[in-house]
Amino acid sequence: MVLIDLKVGHFSYADACQMHMYLNYAREHWMKEGENPMVDVVLAASKGDAEVHYALEGPNNSILAREYRTTLPDEQVLADELARARKAIKRRKDDAEGS
């Protein structure tokens, strides 16, 4: 399960606390037994490294904070990134099968 919280402003520690609350609710009410751990993503218009570091640092944290863009990159940039990702996935799969 993936929980996504879209923020139109700057990421703050309150956003991390809010996501923790969402995570706890979802874990208790929506998660099925045997499911993989949840991934929690806060997408904000901007973020400061210090806020993210201190609000999200810790061994049990599963929340990711990232900035989003309001425009997509050029089509060729996306195609190149997809090709790179496919090669990396294939390489990892080949390495795992070879082990």
PDB file of N, CA and C in Angstrom:
ATOM      1  N   MET A   1       0.846  -1.167   0.000  1.00  0.00           N
ATOM      2  CA  MET A   1       0.000   0.000   0.000  1.00  0.00           C
ATOM      3  C   MET A   1       0.896   1.235   0.000  1.00  0.00           C
ATOM      4  N   VAL A   2       0.498   2.220  -0.744  1.00  0.00           N
ATOM      5  CA  VAL A   2       1.232   3.485  -0.809  1.00  0.00           C
ATOM      6  C   VAL A   2       0.285   4.601  -0.393  1.00  0.00           C
ATOM      7  N   LEU A   3       0.694   5.379   0.592  1.00  0.00           N
ATOM      8  CA  LEU A   3      -0.060   6.557   1.004  1.00  0.00           C
ATOM      9  C   LEU A   3       0.672   7.779   0.477  1.00  0.00           C
ATOM     10  N   ILE A   4      -0.056   8.668  -0.180  1.00  0.00           N
ATOM     11  CA  ILE A   4       0.552   9.876  -0.749  1.00  0.00           C
ATOM     12  C   ILE A   4      -0.194  11.085  -0.222  1.00  0.00           C
ATOM     13  N   ASP A   5       0.552  12.047   0.283  1.00  0.00           N
ATOM     14  CA  ASP A   5       0.001  13.303   0.771  1.00  0.00           C
ATOM     15  C   ASP A   5       0.602  14.418  -0.066  1.00  0.00           C
ATOM     16  N   LEU A   6      -0.226  15.136  -0.793  1.00  0.00           N
ATOM     17  CA  LEU A   6       0.218  16.214  -1.668  1.00  0.00           C
ATOM     18  C   LEU A   6       0.048  17.548  -0.955  1.00  0.00           C
ATOM     19  N   LYS A   7       1.158  18.253  -0.769  1.00  0.00           N
ATOM     20  CA  LYS A   7       1.153  19.553  -0.092  1.00  0.00           C
ATOM     21  C   LYS A   7       1.461  20.646  -1.106  1.00  0.00           C
ATOM     22  N   VAL A   8       0.660  21.703  -1.114  1.00  0.00           N
ATOM     23  CA  VAL A   8       0.899  22.789  -2.067  1.00  0.00           C
ATOM     24  C   VAL A   8       1.951  23.766  -1.564  1.00  0.00           C
ATOM     25  N   GLY A   9       2.332  23.650  -0.309  1.00  0.00           N
ATOM     26  CA  GLY A   9       3.328  24.558   0.246  1.00  0.00           C
ATOM     27  C   GLY A   9       4.610  23.842   0.610  1.00  0.00           C
ATOM     28  N   HIS A  10       5.370  24.468   1.496  1.00  0.00           N
ATOM     29  CA  HIS A  10       6.666  23.969   1.957  1.00  0.00           C
ATOM     30  C   HIS A  10       6.453  22.833   2.954  1.00  0.00           C
ATOM     31  N   PHE A  11       7.283  21.780   2.873  1.00  0.00           N
ATOM     32  CA  PHE A  11       7.222  20.665   3.819  1.00  0.00           C
ATOM     33  C   PHE A  11       7.580  21.150   5.214  1.00  0.00           C
ATOM     34  N   SER A  12       6.815  20.706   6.210  1.00  0.00           N
ATOM     35  CA  SER A  12       7.111  21.060   7.599  1.00  0.00           C
ATOM     36  C   SER A  12       7.034  19.818   8.474  1.00  0.00           C
ATOM     37  N   TYR A  13       7.522  19.940   9.699  1.00  0.00           N
ATOM     38  CA  TYR A  13       7.464  18.812  10.620  1.00  0.00           C
ATOM     39  C   TYR A  13       6.019  18.395  10.880  1.00  0.00           C
ATOM     40  N   ALA A  14       5.081  19.342  10.816  1.00  0.00           N
ATOM     41  CA  ALA A  14       3.663  19.011  11.014  1.00  0.00           C
ATOM     42  C   ALA A  14       3.171  18.053   9.929  1.00  0.00           C
ATOM     43  N   ASP A  15       3.705  18.186   8.725  1.00  0.00           N
ATOM     44  CA  ASP A  15       3.327  17.270   7.639  1.00  0.00           C
ATOM     45  C   ASP A  15       3.780  15.845   7.953  1.00  0.00           C
ATOM     46  N   ALA A  16       4.956  15.705   8.553  1.00  0.00           N
ATOM     47  CA  ALA A  16       5.450  14.384   8.936  1.00  0.00           C
ATOM     48  C   ALA A  16       4.563  13.790  10.026  1.00  0.00           C
ATOM     49  N   CYS A  17       4.186  14.599  11.012  1.00  0.00           N
ATOM     50  CA  CYS A  17       3.309  14.118  12.082  1.00  0.00           C
ATOM     51  C   CYS A  17       1.957  13.696  11.525  1.00  0.00           C
ATOM     52  N   GLN A  18       1.431  14.480  10.601  1.00  0.00           N
ATOM     53  CA  GLN A  18       0.151  14.148   9.985  1.00  0.00           C
ATOM     54  C   GLN A  18       0.248  12.834   9.220  1.00  0.00           C
ATOM     55  N   MET A  19       1.339  12.635   8.498  1.00  0.00           N
ATOM     56  CA  MET A  19       1.499  11.395   7.754  1.00  0.00           C
ATOM     57  C   MET A  19       1.635  10.208   8.699  1.00  0.00           C
ATOM     58  N   HIS A  20       2.294  10.383   9.832  1.00  0.00           N
ATOM     59  CA  HIS A  20       2.379   9.309  10.819  1.00  0.00           C
ATOM     60  C   HIS A  20       0.979   8.910  11.288  1.00  0.00           C
ATOM     61  N   MET A  21       0.119   9.910  11.494  1.00  0.00           N
ATOM     62  CA  MET A  21      -1.254   9.622  11.898  1.00  0.00           C
ATOM     63  C   MET A  21      -1.984   8.844  10.797  1.00  0.00           C
ATOM     64  N   TYR A  22      -1.848   9.271   9.536  1.00  0.00           N
ATOM     65  CA  TYR A  22      -2.467   8.558   8.420  1.00  0.00           C
ATOM     66  C   TYR A  22      -1.958   7.123   8.353  1.00  0.00           C
ATOM     67  N   LEU A  23      -0.648   6.966   8.527  1.00  0.00           N
ATOM     68  CA  LEU A  23      -0.024   5.648   8.470  1.00  0.00           C
ATOM     69  C   LEU A  23      -0.582   4.729   9.549  1.00  0.00           C
ATOM     70  N   ASN A  24      -0.656   5.223  10.769  1.00  0.00           N
ATOM     71  CA  ASN A  24      -1.189   4.408  11.863  1.00  0.00           C
ATOM     72  C   ASN A  24      -2.637   4.017  11.622  1.00  0.00           C
ATOM     73  N   TYR A  25      -3.440   4.945  11.119  1.00  0.00           N
ATOM     74  CA  TYR A  25      -4.840   4.634  10.809  1.00  0.00           C
ATOM     75  C   TYR A  25      -4.924   3.568   9.714  1.00  0.00           C
ATOM     76  N   ALA A  26      -4.182   3.764   8.638  1.00  0.00           N
ATOM     77  CA  ALA A  26      -4.217   2.824   7.516  1.00  0.00           C
ATOM     78  C   ALA A  26      -3.723   1.446   7.942  1.00  0.00           C
ATOM     79  N   ARG A  27      -2.680   1.412   8.749  1.00  0.00           N
ATOM     80  CA  ARG A  27      -2.143   0.137   9.222  1.00  0.00           C
ATOM     81  C   ARG A  27      -3.203  -0.616  10.025  1.00  0.00           C
ATOM     82  N   GLU A  28      -3.932   0.107  10.864  1.00  0.00           N
ATOM     83  CA  GLU A  28      -4.932  -0.525  11.725  1.00  0.00           C
ATOM     84  C   GLU A  28      -6.209  -0.909  10.975  1.00  0.00           C
ATOM     85  N   HIS A  29      -6.645  -0.087  10.017  1.00  0.00           N
ATOM     86  CA  HIS A  29      -7.950  -0.289   9.403  1.00  0.00           C
ATOM     87  C   HIS A  29      -7.932  -0.843   7.975  1.00  0.00           C
ATOM     88  N   TRP A  30      -6.845  -0.635   7.232  1.00  0.00           N
ATOM     89  CA  TRP A  30      -6.858  -1.001   5.816  1.00  0.00           C
ATOM     90  C   TRP A  30      -5.913  -2.137   5.455  1.00  0.00           C
ATOM     91  N   MET A  31      -4.822  -2.273   6.196  1.00  0.00           N
ATOM     92  CA  MET A  31      -3.827  -3.285   5.842  1.00  0.00           C
ATOM     93  C   MET A  31      -4.353  -4.686   6.099  1.00  0.00           C
ATOM     94  N   LYS A  32      -4.030  -5.579   5.187  1.00  0.00           N
ATOM     95  CA  LYS A  32      -4.382  -6.988   5.326  1.00  0.00           C
ATOM     96  C   LYS A  32      -3.160  -7.738   5.859  1.00  0.00           C
ATOM     97  N   GLU A  33      -3.419  -8.813   6.568  1.00  0.00           N
ATOM     98  CA  GLU A  33      -2.325  -9.618   7.101  1.00  0.00           C
ATOM     99  C   GLU A  33      -1.471 -10.165   5.963  1.00  0.00           C
ATOM    100  N   GLY A  34      -0.154 -10.099   6.130  1.00  0.00           N
ATOM    101  CA  GLY A  34       0.771 -10.616   5.129  1.00  0.00           C
ATOM    102  C   GLY A  34       1.162  -9.621   4.054  1.00  0.00           C
ATOM    103  N   GLU A  35       0.558  -8.435   4.054  1.00  0.00           N
ATOM    104  CA  GLU A  35       0.932  -7.423   3.057  1.00  0.00           C
ATOM    105  C   GLU A  35       2.319  -6.864   3.366  1.00  0.00           C
ATOM    106  N   ASN A  36       2.982  -6.386   2.325  1.00  0.00           N
ATOM    107  CA  ASN A  36       4.278  -5.722   2.503  1.00  0.00           C
ATOM    108  C   ASN A  36       4.086  -4.438   3.297  1.00  0.00           C
ATOM    109  N   PRO A  37       5.151  -3.953   3.936  1.00  0.00           N
ATOM    110  CA  PRO A  37       5.045  -2.691   4.677  1.00  0.00           C
ATOM    111  C   PRO A  37       4.622  -1.547   3.754  1.00  0.00           C
ATOM    112  N   MET A  38       3.951  -0.584   4.326  1.00  0.00           N
ATOM    113  CA  MET A  38       3.469   0.568   3.560  1.00  0.00           C
ATOM    114  C   MET A  38       4.616   1.493   3.194  1.00  0.00           C
ATOM    115  N   VAL A  39       4.405   2.211   2.117  1.00  0.00           N
ATOM    116  CA  VAL A  39       5.300   3.283   1.707  1.00  0.00           C
ATOM    117  C   VAL A  39       4.487   4.564   1.809  1.00  0.00           C
ATOM    118  N   ASP A  40       5.047   5.550   2.466  1.00  0.00           N
ATOM    119  CA  ASP A  40       4.362   6.820   2.684  1.00  0.00           C
ATOM    120  C   ASP A  40       5.161   7.916   2.002  1.00  0.00           C
ATOM    121  N   VAL A  41       4.495   8.703   1.181  1.00  0.00           N
ATOM    122  CA  VAL A  41       5.181   9.744   0.427  1.00  0.00           C
ATOM    123  C   VAL A  41       4.481  11.075   0.677  1.00  0.00           C
ATOM    124  N   VAL A  42       5.263  12.073   1.048  1.00  0.00           N
ATOM    125  CA  VAL A  42       4.752  13.441   1.143  1.00  0.00           C
ATOM    126  C   VAL A  42       5.370  14.209  -0.015  1.00  0.00           C
ATOM    127  N   LEU A  43       4.537  14.668  -0.927  1.00  0.00           N
ATOM    128  CA  LEU A  43       4.996  15.488  -2.051  1.00  0.00           C
ATOM    129  C   LEU A  43       4.683  16.938  -1.721  1.00  0.00           C
ATOM    130  N   ALA A  44       5.712  17.766  -1.672  1.00  0.00           N
ATOM    131  CA  ALA A  44       5.538  19.171  -1.319  1.00  0.00           C
ATOM    132  C   ALA A  44       6.120  20.056  -2.408  1.00  0.00           C
ATOM    133  N   ALA A  45       5.610  21.286  -2.475  1.00  0.00           N
ATOM    134  CA  ALA A  45       6.103  22.233  -3.472  1.00  0.00           C
ATOM    135  C   ALA A  45       7.571  22.543  -3.228  1.00  0.00           C
ATOM    136  N   SER A  46       8.004  22.492  -1.969  1.00  0.00           N
ATOM    137  CA  SER A  46       9.408  22.703  -1.643  1.00  0.00           C
ATOM    138  C   SER A  46       9.699  22.033  -0.302  1.00  0.00           C
ATOM    139  N   LYS A  47      10.968  21.796  -0.058  1.00  0.00           N
ATOM    140  CA  LYS A  47      11.349  21.182   1.216  1.00  0.00           C
ATOM    141  C   LYS A  47      12.735  21.680   1.585  1.00  0.00           C
ATOM    142  N   GLY A  48      12.965  21.776   2.854  1.00  0.00           N
ATOM    143  CA  GLY A  48      14.291  22.122   3.345  1.00  0.00           C
ATOM    144  C   GLY A  48      14.968  20.866   3.858  1.00  0.00           C
ATOM    145  N   ASP A  49      16.266  20.739   3.612  1.00  0.00           N
ATOM    146  CA  ASP A  49      16.981  19.539   4.046  1.00  0.00           C
ATOM    147  C   ASP A  49      16.911  19.353   5.556  1.00  0.00           C
ATOM    148  N   ALA A  50      16.984  20.428   6.315  1.00  0.00           N
ATOM    149  CA  ALA A  50      16.959  20.313   7.777  1.00  0.00           C
ATOM    150  C   ALA A  50      15.607  19.806   8.262  1.00  0.00           C
ATOM    151  N   GLU A  51      14.532  20.342   7.730  1.00  0.00           N
ATOM    152  CA  GLU A  51      13.199  19.889   8.141  1.00  0.00           C
ATOM    153  C   GLU A  51      13.026  18.399   7.855  1.00  0.00           C
ATOM    154  N   VAL A  52      13.417  17.985   6.654  1.00  0.00           N
ATOM    155  CA  VAL A  52      13.275  16.578   6.279  1.00  0.00           C
ATOM    156  C   VAL A  52      14.151  15.703   7.164  1.00  0.00           C
ATOM    157  N   HIS A  53      15.395  16.113   7.378  1.00  0.00           N
ATOM    158  CA  HIS A  53      16.325  15.325   8.184  1.00  0.00           C
ATOM    159  C   HIS A  53      15.786  15.105   9.593  1.00  0.00           C
ATOM    160  N   TYR A  54      15.401  16.172  10.277  1.00  0.00           N
ATOM    161  CA  TYR A  54      14.995  16.048  11.673  1.00  0.00           C
ATOM    162  C   TYR A  54      13.575  15.533  11.836  1.00  0.00           C
ATOM    163  N   ALA A  55      12.697  15.795  10.894  1.00  0.00           N
ATOM    164  CA  ALA A  55      11.315  15.306  11.001  1.00  0.00           C
ATOM    165  C   ALA A  55      11.199  13.842  10.623  1.00  0.00           C
ATOM    166  N   LEU A  56      12.064  13.355   9.734  1.00  0.00           N
ATOM    167  CA  LEU A  56      11.899  12.001   9.210  1.00  0.00           C
ATOM    168  C   LEU A  56      13.022  11.044   9.558  1.00  0.00           C
ATOM    169  N   GLU A  57      14.044  11.499  10.241  1.00  0.00           N
ATOM    170  CA  GLU A  57      15.177  10.628  10.569  1.00  0.00           C
ATOM    171  C   GLU A  57      14.765   9.633  11.642  1.00  0.00           C
ATOM    172  N   GLY A  58      15.196   8.404  11.489  1.00  0.00           N
ATOM    173  CA  GLY A  58      14.940   7.387  12.507  1.00  0.00           C
ATOM    174  C   GLY A  58      14.831   6.016  11.880  1.00  0.00           C
ATOM    175  N   PRO A  59      15.118   4.991  12.674  1.00  0.00           N
ATOM    176  CA  PRO A  59      15.158   3.626  12.132  1.00  0.00           C
ATOM    177  C   PRO A  59      13.805   3.074  11.706  1.00  0.00           C
ATOM    178  N   ASN A  60      12.715   3.541  12.302  1.00  0.00           N
ATOM    179  CA  ASN A  60      11.401   2.980  11.995  1.00  0.00           C
ATOM    180  C   ASN A  60      10.598   3.839  11.025  1.00  0.00           C
ATOM    181  N   ASN A  61      11.236   4.804  10.405  1.00  0.00           N
ATOM    182  CA  ASN A  61      10.509   5.716   9.537  1.00  0.00           C
ATOM    183  C   ASN A  61      10.363   5.147   8.129  1.00  0.00           C
ATOM    184  N   SER A  62       9.147   5.244   7.595  1.00  0.00           N
ATOM    185  CA  SER A  62       8.914   4.792   6.224  1.00  0.00           C
ATOM    186  C   SER A  62       8.406   5.930   5.348  1.00  0.00           C
ATOM    187  N   ILE A  63       8.462   7.159   5.852  1.00  0.00           N
ATOM    188  CA  ILE A  63       7.942   8.306   5.105  1.00  0.00           C
ATOM    189  C   ILE A  63       9.050   8.915   4.259  1.00  0.00           C
ATOM    190  N   LEU A  64       8.725   9.198   3.004  1.00  0.00           N
ATOM    191  CA  LEU A  64       9.640   9.872   2.095  1.00  0.00           C
ATOM    192  C   LEU A  64       9.083  11.261   1.802  1.00  0.00           C
ATOM    193  N   ALA A  65       9.924  12.257   1.763  1.00  0.00           N
ATOM    194  CA  ALA A  65       9.500  13.612   1.407  1.00  0.00           C
ATOM    195  C   ALA A  65      10.241  14.025   0.152  1.00  0.00           C
ATOM    196  N   ARG A  66       9.512  14.458  -0.836  1.00  0.00           N
ATOM    197  CA  ARG A  66      10.101  14.868  -2.106  1.00  0.00           C
ATOM    198  C   ARG A  66       9.407  16.129  -2.605  1.00  0.00           C
ATOM    199  N   GLU A  67      10.141  16.881  -3.402  1.00  0.00           N
ATOM    200  CA  GLU A  67       9.552  18.035  -4.075  1.00  0.00           C
ATOM    201  C   GLU A  67       8.947  17.562  -5.390  1.00  0.00           C
ATOM    202  N   TYR A  68       7.872  18.211  -5.793  1.00  0.00           N
ATOM    203  CA  TYR A  68       7.273  17.871  -7.072  1.00  0.00           C
ATOM    204  C   TYR A  68       7.422  19.026  -8.040  1.00  0.00           C
ATOM    205  N   ARG A  69       7.256  18.717  -9.287  1.00  0.00           N
ATOM    206  CA  ARG A  69       7.344  19.738 -10.338  1.00  0.00           C
ATOM    207  C   ARG A  69       5.972  19.931 -10.951  1.00  0.00           C
ATOM    208  N   THR A  70       5.724  21.113 -11.431  1.00  0.00           N
ATOM    209  CA  THR A  70       4.424  21.391 -12.042  1.00  0.00           C
ATOM    210  C   THR A  70       4.441  21.168 -13.549  1.00  0.00           C
ATOM    211  N   THR A  71       5.623  20.857 -14.104  1.00  0.00           N
ATOM    212  CA  THR A  71       5.715  20.542 -15.535  1.00  0.00           C
ATOM    213  C   THR A  71       6.524  19.262 -15.696  1.00  0.00           C
ATOM    214  N   LEU A  72       6.224  18.527 -16.743  1.00  0.00           N
ATOM    215  CA  LEU A  72       6.962  17.298 -17.019  1.00  0.00           C
ATOM    216  C   LEU A  72       8.253  17.616 -17.763  1.00  0.00           C
ATOM    217  N   PRO A  73       9.264  16.773 -17.580  1.00  0.00           N
ATOM    218  CA  PRO A  73      10.482  16.948 -18.376  1.00  0.00           C
ATOM    219  C   PRO A  73      10.193  16.661 -19.847  1.00  0.00           C
ATOM    220  N   ASP A  74      11.127  17.005 -20.671  1.00  0.00           N
ATOM    221  CA  ASP A  74      11.037  16.731 -22.103  1.00  0.00           C
ATOM    222  C   ASP A  74      10.797  15.235 -22.347  1.00  0.00           C
ATOM    223  N   GLU A  75      10.067  14.902 -23.378  1.00  0.00           N
ATOM    224  CA  GLU A  75       9.729  13.508 -23.695  1.00  0.00           C
ATOM    225  C   GLU A  75      10.974  12.641 -23.839  1.00  0.00           C
ATOM    226  N   GLN A  76      12.014  13.160 -24.457  1.00  0.00           N
ATOM    227  CA  GLN A  76      13.246  12.377 -24.639  1.00  0.00           C
ATOM    228  C   GLN A  76      13.918  12.081 -23.300  1.00  0.00           C
ATOM    229  N   VAL A  77      13.882  13.022 -22.379  1.00  0.00           N
ATOM    230  CA  VAL A  77      14.450  12.813 -21.046  1.00  0.00           C
ATOM    231  C   VAL A  77      13.717  11.669 -20.350  1.00  0.00           C
ATOM    232  N   LEU A  78      12.388  11.660 -20.445  1.00  0.00           N
ATOM    233  CA  LEU A  78      11.601  10.570 -19.846  1.00  0.00           C
ATOM    234  C   LEU A  78      11.926   9.228 -20.497  1.00  0.00           C
ATOM    235  N   ALA A  79      12.019   9.208 -21.813  1.00  0.00           N
ATOM    236  CA  ALA A  79      12.335   7.968 -22.532  1.00  0.00           C
ATOM    237  C   ALA A  79      13.713   7.447 -22.132  1.00  0.00           C
ATOM    238  N   ASP A  80      14.684   8.339 -22.028  1.00  0.00           N
ATOM    239  CA  ASP A  80      16.036   7.937 -21.622  1.00  0.00           C
ATOM    240  C   ASP A  80      16.046   7.378 -20.200  1.00  0.00           C
ATOM    241  N   GLU A  81      15.308   8.014 -19.300  1.00  0.00           N
ATOM    242  CA  GLU A  81      15.248   7.551 -17.913  1.00  0.00           C
ATOM    243  C   GLU A  81      14.578   6.180 -17.827  1.00  0.00           C
ATOM    244  N   LEU A  82      13.519   5.963 -18.589  1.00  0.00           N
ATOM    245  CA  LEU A  82      12.869   4.650 -18.622  1.00  0.00           C
ATOM    246  C   LEU A  82      13.820   3.579 -19.139  1.00  0.00           C
ATOM    247  N   ALA A  83      14.562   3.888 -20.179  1.00  0.00           N
ATOM    248  CA  ALA A  83      15.521   2.928 -20.738  1.00  0.00           C
ATOM    249  C   ALA A  83      16.597   2.587 -19.703  1.00  0.00           C
ATOM    250  N   ARG A  84      17.100   3.603 -18.980  1.00  0.00           N
ATOM    251  CA  ARG A  84      18.100   3.367 -17.931  1.00  0.00           C
ATOM    252  C   ARG A  84      17.533   2.483 -16.825  1.00  0.00           C
ATOM    253  N   ALA A  85      16.286   2.763 -16.423  1.00  0.00           N
ATOM    254  CA  ALA A  85      15.658   1.979 -15.357  1.00  0.00           C
ATOM    255  C   ALA A  85      15.453   0.532 -15.793  1.00  0.00           C
ATOM    256  N   ARG A  86      15.022   0.330 -17.026  1.00  0.00           N
ATOM    257  CA  ARG A  86      14.834  -1.041 -17.527  1.00  0.00           C
ATOM    258  C   ARG A  86      16.147  -1.815 -17.528  1.00  0.00           C
ATOM    259  N   LYS A  87      17.235  -1.177 -17.961  1.00  0.00           N
ATOM    260  CA  LYS A  87      18.543  -1.836 -17.975  1.00  0.00           C
ATOM    261  C   LYS A  87      18.979  -2.194 -16.559  1.00  0.00           C
ATOM    262  N   ALA A  88      18.769  -1.295 -15.617  1.00  0.00           N
ATOM    263  CA  ALA A  88      19.168  -1.546 -14.233  1.00  0.00           C
ATOM    264  C   ALA A  88      18.362  -2.701 -13.638  1.00  0.00           C
ATOM    265  N   ILE A  89      17.064  -2.743 -13.925  1.00  0.00           N
ATOM    266  CA  ILE A  89      16.220  -3.835 -13.426  1.00  0.00           C
ATOM    267  C   ILE A  89      16.658  -5.161 -14.029  1.00  0.00           C
ATOM    268  N   LYS A  90      16.930  -5.169 -15.323  1.00  0.00           N
ATOM    269  CA  LYS A  90      17.375  -6.396 -15.988  1.00  0.00           C
ATOM    270  C   LYS A  90      18.712  -6.857 -15.418  1.00  0.00           C
ATOM    271  N   ARG A  91      19.630  -5.921 -15.184  1.00  0.00           N
ATOM    272  CA  ARG A  91      20.937  -6.256 -14.633  1.00  0.00           C
ATOM    273  C   ARG A  91      20.788  -6.878 -13.235  1.00  0.00           C
ATOM    274  N   ARG A  92      19.922  -6.290 -12.396  1.00  0.00           N
ATOM    275  CA  ARG A  92      19.696  -6.845 -11.059  1.00  0.00           C
ATOM    276  C   ARG A  92      19.071  -8.233 -11.143  1.00  0.00           C
ATOM    277  N   LYS A  93      18.126  -8.401 -12.066  1.00  0.00           N
ATOM    278  CA  LYS A  93      17.478  -9.709 -12.235  1.00  0.00           C
ATOM    279  C   LYS A  93      18.489 -10.740 -12.696  1.00  0.00           C
ATOM    280  N   ASP A  94      19.316 -10.386 -13.674  1.00  0.00           N
ATOM    281  CA  ASP A  94      20.358 -11.310 -14.176  1.00  0.00           C
ATOM    282  C   ASP A  94      21.348 -11.659 -13.068  1.00  0.00           C
ATOM    283  N   ASP A  95      21.739 -10.659 -12.257  1.00  0.00           N
ATOM    284  CA  ASP A  95      22.664 -10.910 -11.158  1.00  0.00           C
ATOM    285  C   ASP A  95      22.048 -11.852 -10.128  1.00  0.00           C
ATOM    286  N   ALA A  96      20.760 -11.678  -9.834  1.00  0.00           N
ATOM    287  CA  ALA A  96      20.081 -12.517  -8.853  1.00  0.00           C
ATOM    288  C   ALA A  96      19.945 -13.953  -9.359  1.00  0.00           C
ATOM    289  N   GLU A  97      19.693 -14.108 -10.652  1.00  0.00           N
ATOM    290  CA  GLU A  97      19.569 -15.454 -11.219  1.00  0.00           C
ATOM    291  C   GLU A  97      20.904 -16.143 -11.299  1.00  0.00           C
ATOM    292  N   GLY A  98      21.984 -15.375 -11.434  1.00  0.00           N
ATOM    293  CA  GLY A  98      23.317 -15.941 -11.525  1.00  0.00           C
ATOM    294  C   GLY A  98      23.887 -16.365 -10.186  1.00  0.00           C
ATOM    295  N   SER A  99      23.277 -15.865  -9.097  1.00  0.00           N
ATOM    296  CA  SER A  99      23.781 -16.175  -7.740  1.00  0.00           C
ATOM    297  C   SER A  99      23.427 -17.556  -7.301  1.00  0.00           C
TER     298      SER A  99
END
